[in-house]
Every structure is written in C-alpha cells, then in structure tokens.
Amino acid sequence: MSVDMRWERAVAGGLTADVSHVFGIFDRTLCGIQVAGMSPSDYWWMPERENAFGACRDLAGVIDDRWPQASRGEDTRVSVARRL
C-alpha cells in the first residue's frame, strides 16, 4: 500500500489541530509526544500534506523503508492499538 495508507493520524485533547501527527502506540505519537487518552483517528495521516509534522514524516519513512515487502499488502494491515 502507498505510504499515505499505512499510518493513522493521532487524536488527543492536548494536540494542536493545525499539526498532523502519526499515532504510534501507548498514548504516543510516532515522534514521541505523549498525551493520555491519545488514539488513532479514523483518518489516514498523509505525509505529503503541509501540516504533517516533520519528525513524524522522517520516522514514518525510516519504518516504511524497513517494513518487509511481504507485509505490505492490504490483507496484512492491522491496527495494533485497536487490538490492545
């Protein structure tokens, strides 16, 4: 899947609405911001958007580059947070 369909946007009361962060896990964004009650949005995080946070974009790129090709299909995508 393309990079803009592999990441979910983080939502939490303490995050500003004008900056888009990637949801990581355990109430943290991919770049390390922690806010209690953070969750993944129902919307994709899109790295090409102007408001995508740069550190999240960089880290998502590193992870994407390391992700095995065999695990990139539509049928292999699972939200870790929703399984907890």
N, C-alpha and C. Protein backbone atom coordinates (compact mmCIF):
# COMPACT_ATOMS: atom_id res chain seq x y z
N MET A 1 0.85 -1.19 0.00
CA MET A 1 0.00 0.00 0.00
C MET A 1 0.89 1.24 0.00
N SER A 2 0.36 2.31 -0.49
CA SER A 2 1.14 3.54 -0.52
C SER A 2 1.32 4.08 0.90
N VAL A 3 2.34 4.91 1.09
CA VAL A 3 2.67 5.43 2.41
C VAL A 3 1.51 6.19 3.04
N ASP A 4 0.68 6.84 2.23
CA ASP A 4 -0.43 7.60 2.80
C ASP A 4 -1.60 6.72 3.22
N MET A 5 -1.45 5.40 3.09
CA MET A 5 -2.49 4.49 3.56
C MET A 5 -1.94 3.52 4.61
N ARG A 6 -0.78 3.85 5.18
CA ARG A 6 -0.18 2.97 6.18
C ARG A 6 -0.19 3.55 7.58
N TRP A 7 -0.50 4.82 7.73
CA TRP A 7 -0.41 5.47 9.03
C TRP A 7 -1.73 6.14 9.38
N GLU A 8 -2.08 6.11 10.66
CA GLU A 8 -3.30 6.77 11.14
C GLU A 8 -2.90 8.06 11.86
N ARG A 9 -3.74 9.05 11.73
CA ARG A 9 -3.50 10.32 12.40
C ARG A 9 -3.79 10.18 13.88
N ALA A 10 -2.97 10.79 14.71
CA ALA A 10 -3.16 10.77 16.16
C ALA A 10 -4.19 11.83 16.56
N VAL A 11 -5.06 11.47 17.48
CA VAL A 11 -6.02 12.43 18.02
C VAL A 11 -5.96 12.40 19.55
N ALA A 12 -5.96 13.59 20.14
CA ALA A 12 -5.95 13.73 21.59
C ALA A 12 -6.25 15.18 21.93
N GLY A 13 -6.79 15.38 23.12
CA GLY A 13 -7.12 16.72 23.56
C GLY A 13 -5.94 17.66 23.63
N GLY A 14 -4.74 17.17 23.88
CA GLY A 14 -3.57 18.01 24.03
C GLY A 14 -2.81 18.31 22.75
N LEU A 15 -3.23 17.74 21.63
CA LEU A 15 -2.55 18.02 20.36
C LEU A 15 -3.22 19.18 19.65
N THR A 16 -2.41 20.03 19.03
CA THR A 16 -2.99 21.14 18.27
C THR A 16 -3.61 20.62 16.98
N ALA A 17 -4.68 21.22 16.57
CA ALA A 17 -5.41 20.77 15.38
C ALA A 17 -4.71 21.15 14.08
N ASP A 18 -3.81 22.14 14.14
CA ASP A 18 -3.18 22.60 12.90
C ASP A 18 -1.91 21.83 12.53
N VAL A 19 -1.51 20.84 13.35
CA VAL A 19 -0.35 19.99 13.05
C VAL A 19 -0.82 18.54 13.08
N SER A 20 -0.44 17.79 12.08
CA SER A 20 -0.86 16.40 11.96
C SER A 20 0.28 15.46 12.37
N HIS A 21 0.01 14.63 13.40
CA HIS A 21 0.99 13.67 13.91
C HIS A 21 0.54 12.26 13.60
N VAL A 22 1.51 11.34 13.53
CA VAL A 22 1.23 9.92 13.34
C VAL A 22 0.96 9.29 14.70
N PHE A 23 -0.09 8.45 14.78
CA PHE A 23 -0.33 7.71 16.00
C PHE A 23 0.68 6.57 16.08
N GLY A 24 1.36 6.47 17.21
CA GLY A 24 2.30 5.39 17.45
C GLY A 24 1.62 4.30 18.26
N ILE A 25 1.86 4.30 19.56
CA ILE A 25 1.24 3.34 20.48
C ILE A 25 1.48 3.83 21.90
N PHE A 26 0.69 3.34 22.82
CA PHE A 26 0.81 3.69 24.24
C PHE A 26 0.72 5.20 24.47
N ASP A 27 -0.33 5.82 23.91
CA ASP A 27 -0.59 7.25 24.09
C ASP A 27 0.53 8.15 23.58
N ARG A 28 1.23 7.71 22.55
CA ARG A 28 2.33 8.50 21.98
C ARG A 28 2.18 8.65 20.48
N THR A 29 2.68 9.79 20.00
CA THR A 29 2.81 9.95 18.56
C THR A 29 4.07 9.24 18.12
N LEU A 30 4.24 9.06 16.86
CA LEU A 30 5.44 8.41 16.36
C LEU A 30 6.69 9.19 16.73
N CYS A 31 6.57 10.52 16.82
CA CYS A 31 7.73 11.36 17.17
C CYS A 31 7.94 11.47 18.67
N GLY A 32 7.08 10.84 19.48
CA GLY A 32 7.32 10.77 20.92
C GLY A 32 6.46 11.65 21.82
N ILE A 33 5.55 12.42 21.28
CA ILE A 33 4.68 13.24 22.13
C ILE A 33 3.70 12.31 22.82
N GLN A 34 3.56 12.46 24.15
CA GLN A 34 2.66 11.59 24.90
C GLN A 34 1.53 12.42 25.51
N VAL A 35 0.30 11.98 25.24
CA VAL A 35 -0.90 12.61 25.78
C VAL A 35 -1.84 11.50 26.23
N ALA A 36 -2.25 11.53 27.48
CA ALA A 36 -3.15 10.50 27.99
C ALA A 36 -4.43 10.45 27.15
N GLY A 37 -4.85 9.24 26.82
CA GLY A 37 -6.07 9.07 26.06
C GLY A 37 -5.92 9.23 24.56
N MET A 38 -4.70 9.37 24.06
CA MET A 38 -4.48 9.50 22.63
C MET A 38 -4.95 8.23 21.92
N SER A 39 -5.48 8.39 20.74
CA SER A 39 -5.93 7.24 19.97
C SER A 39 -5.72 7.50 18.49
N PRO A 40 -5.80 6.43 17.68
CA PRO A 40 -5.72 6.64 16.24
C PRO A 40 -7.04 7.19 15.73
N SER A 41 -6.95 8.05 14.77
CA SER A 41 -8.13 8.61 14.13
C SER A 41 -8.69 7.62 13.13
N ASP A 42 -9.88 7.86 12.67
CA ASP A 42 -10.44 7.08 11.57
C ASP A 42 -9.91 7.56 10.23
N TYR A 43 -9.03 8.55 10.26
CA TYR A 43 -8.49 9.15 9.04
C TYR A 43 -7.02 8.83 8.91
N TRP A 44 -6.56 8.70 7.67
CA TRP A 44 -5.16 8.44 7.40
C TRP A 44 -4.32 9.67 7.70
N TRP A 45 -3.08 9.44 8.09
CA TRP A 45 -2.10 10.51 8.21
C TRP A 45 -1.41 10.60 6.86
N MET A 46 -1.38 11.76 6.27
CA MET A 46 -0.84 11.92 4.92
C MET A 46 0.45 12.74 4.96
N PRO A 47 1.58 12.08 4.70
CA PRO A 47 2.88 12.74 4.83
C PRO A 47 3.09 13.90 3.86
N GLU A 48 2.38 13.91 2.76
CA GLU A 48 2.59 14.98 1.77
C GLU A 48 1.85 16.27 2.12
N ARG A 49 0.98 16.22 3.10
CA ARG A 49 0.25 17.44 3.48
C ARG A 49 1.17 18.42 4.18
N GLU A 50 0.89 19.69 3.97
CA GLU A 50 1.71 20.76 4.52
C GLU A 50 1.77 20.73 6.04
N ASN A 51 0.70 20.29 6.71
CA ASN A 51 0.67 20.30 8.17
C ASN A 51 1.20 19.02 8.81
N ALA A 52 1.73 18.07 8.02
CA ALA A 52 2.31 16.84 8.56
C ALA A 52 3.59 17.19 9.31
N PHE A 53 3.68 16.77 10.55
CA PHE A 53 4.83 17.09 11.38
C PHE A 53 6.09 16.43 10.81
N GLY A 54 7.16 17.20 10.66
CA GLY A 54 8.37 16.73 10.01
C GLY A 54 9.02 15.52 10.67
N ALA A 55 9.10 15.50 12.01
CA ALA A 55 9.72 14.36 12.70
C ALA A 55 8.90 13.10 12.49
N CYS A 56 7.57 13.22 12.48
CA CYS A 56 6.72 12.06 12.20
C CYS A 56 6.95 11.58 10.77
N ARG A 57 7.07 12.50 9.84
CA ARG A 57 7.32 12.16 8.44
C ARG A 57 8.65 11.41 8.30
N ASP A 58 9.69 11.91 8.97
CA ASP A 58 11.00 11.28 8.89
C ASP A 58 10.98 9.86 9.46
N LEU A 59 10.39 9.70 10.64
CA LEU A 59 10.34 8.39 11.29
C LEU A 59 9.46 7.40 10.53
N ALA A 60 8.35 7.88 9.99
CA ALA A 60 7.49 7.00 9.19
C ALA A 60 8.25 6.50 7.96
N GLY A 61 9.06 7.37 7.37
CA GLY A 61 9.86 6.97 6.22
C GLY A 61 10.88 5.90 6.57
N VAL A 62 11.53 6.04 7.71
CA VAL A 62 12.51 5.04 8.16
C VAL A 62 11.83 3.69 8.39
N ILE A 63 10.70 3.70 9.08
CA ILE A 63 9.96 2.47 9.35
C ILE A 63 9.46 1.85 8.05
N ASP A 64 8.91 2.65 7.18
CA ASP A 64 8.41 2.15 5.89
C ASP A 64 9.52 1.49 5.07
N ASP A 65 10.71 2.10 5.11
CA ASP A 65 11.83 1.54 4.36
C ASP A 65 12.26 0.17 4.89
N ARG A 66 12.04 -0.07 6.19
CA ARG A 66 12.45 -1.32 6.82
C ARG A 66 11.35 -2.39 6.81
N TRP A 67 10.12 -2.00 6.51
CA TRP A 67 9.00 -2.93 6.58
C TRP A 67 9.11 -3.97 5.46
N PRO A 68 8.99 -5.27 5.80
CA PRO A 68 9.12 -6.31 4.77
C PRO A 68 8.07 -6.17 3.66
N GLN A 69 8.48 -6.36 2.44
CA GLN A 69 7.57 -6.26 1.29
C GLN A 69 6.39 -7.21 1.44
N ALA A 70 6.61 -8.39 1.99
CA ALA A 70 5.55 -9.39 2.14
C ALA A 70 4.47 -8.96 3.13
N SER A 71 4.76 -7.96 3.96
CA SER A 71 3.80 -7.50 4.96
C SER A 71 3.13 -6.19 4.56
N ARG A 72 3.22 -5.82 3.30
CA ARG A 72 2.69 -4.53 2.87
C ARG A 72 1.35 -4.61 2.15
N GLY A 73 0.80 -5.78 1.97
CA GLY A 73 -0.46 -5.91 1.26
C GLY A 73 -1.65 -5.45 2.08
N GLU A 74 -2.75 -5.21 1.40
CA GLU A 74 -3.97 -4.73 2.06
C GLU A 74 -4.47 -5.72 3.11
N ASP A 75 -4.31 -7.01 2.87
CA ASP A 75 -4.80 -8.02 3.80
C ASP A 75 -3.92 -8.18 5.03
N THR A 76 -2.74 -7.58 5.06
CA THR A 76 -1.83 -7.73 6.19
C THR A 76 -1.88 -6.55 7.14
N ARG A 77 -2.60 -5.49 6.79
CA ARG A 77 -2.64 -4.28 7.62
C ARG A 77 -3.53 -4.49 8.83
N VAL A 78 -2.97 -4.25 10.02
CA VAL A 78 -3.71 -4.39 11.27
C VAL A 78 -3.34 -3.22 12.16
N SER A 79 -4.32 -2.61 12.80
CA SER A 79 -4.06 -1.54 13.74
C SER A 79 -3.71 -2.17 15.09
N VAL A 80 -2.49 -1.95 15.54
CA VAL A 80 -2.05 -2.51 16.81
C VAL A 80 -2.87 -1.94 17.94
N ALA A 81 -3.14 -0.65 17.92
CA ALA A 81 -3.87 -0.02 19.01
C ALA A 81 -5.27 -0.59 19.18
N ARG A 82 -5.91 -0.93 18.09
CA ARG A 82 -7.27 -1.45 18.19
C ARG A 82 -7.30 -2.89 18.67
N ARG A 83 -6.14 -3.56 18.71
CA ARG A 83 -6.07 -4.93 19.18
C ARG A 83 -5.77 -5.00 20.67
N LEU A 84 -5.31 -3.89 21.27
CA LEU A 84 -4.94 -3.88 22.69
C LEU A 84 -6.14 -3.99 23.60
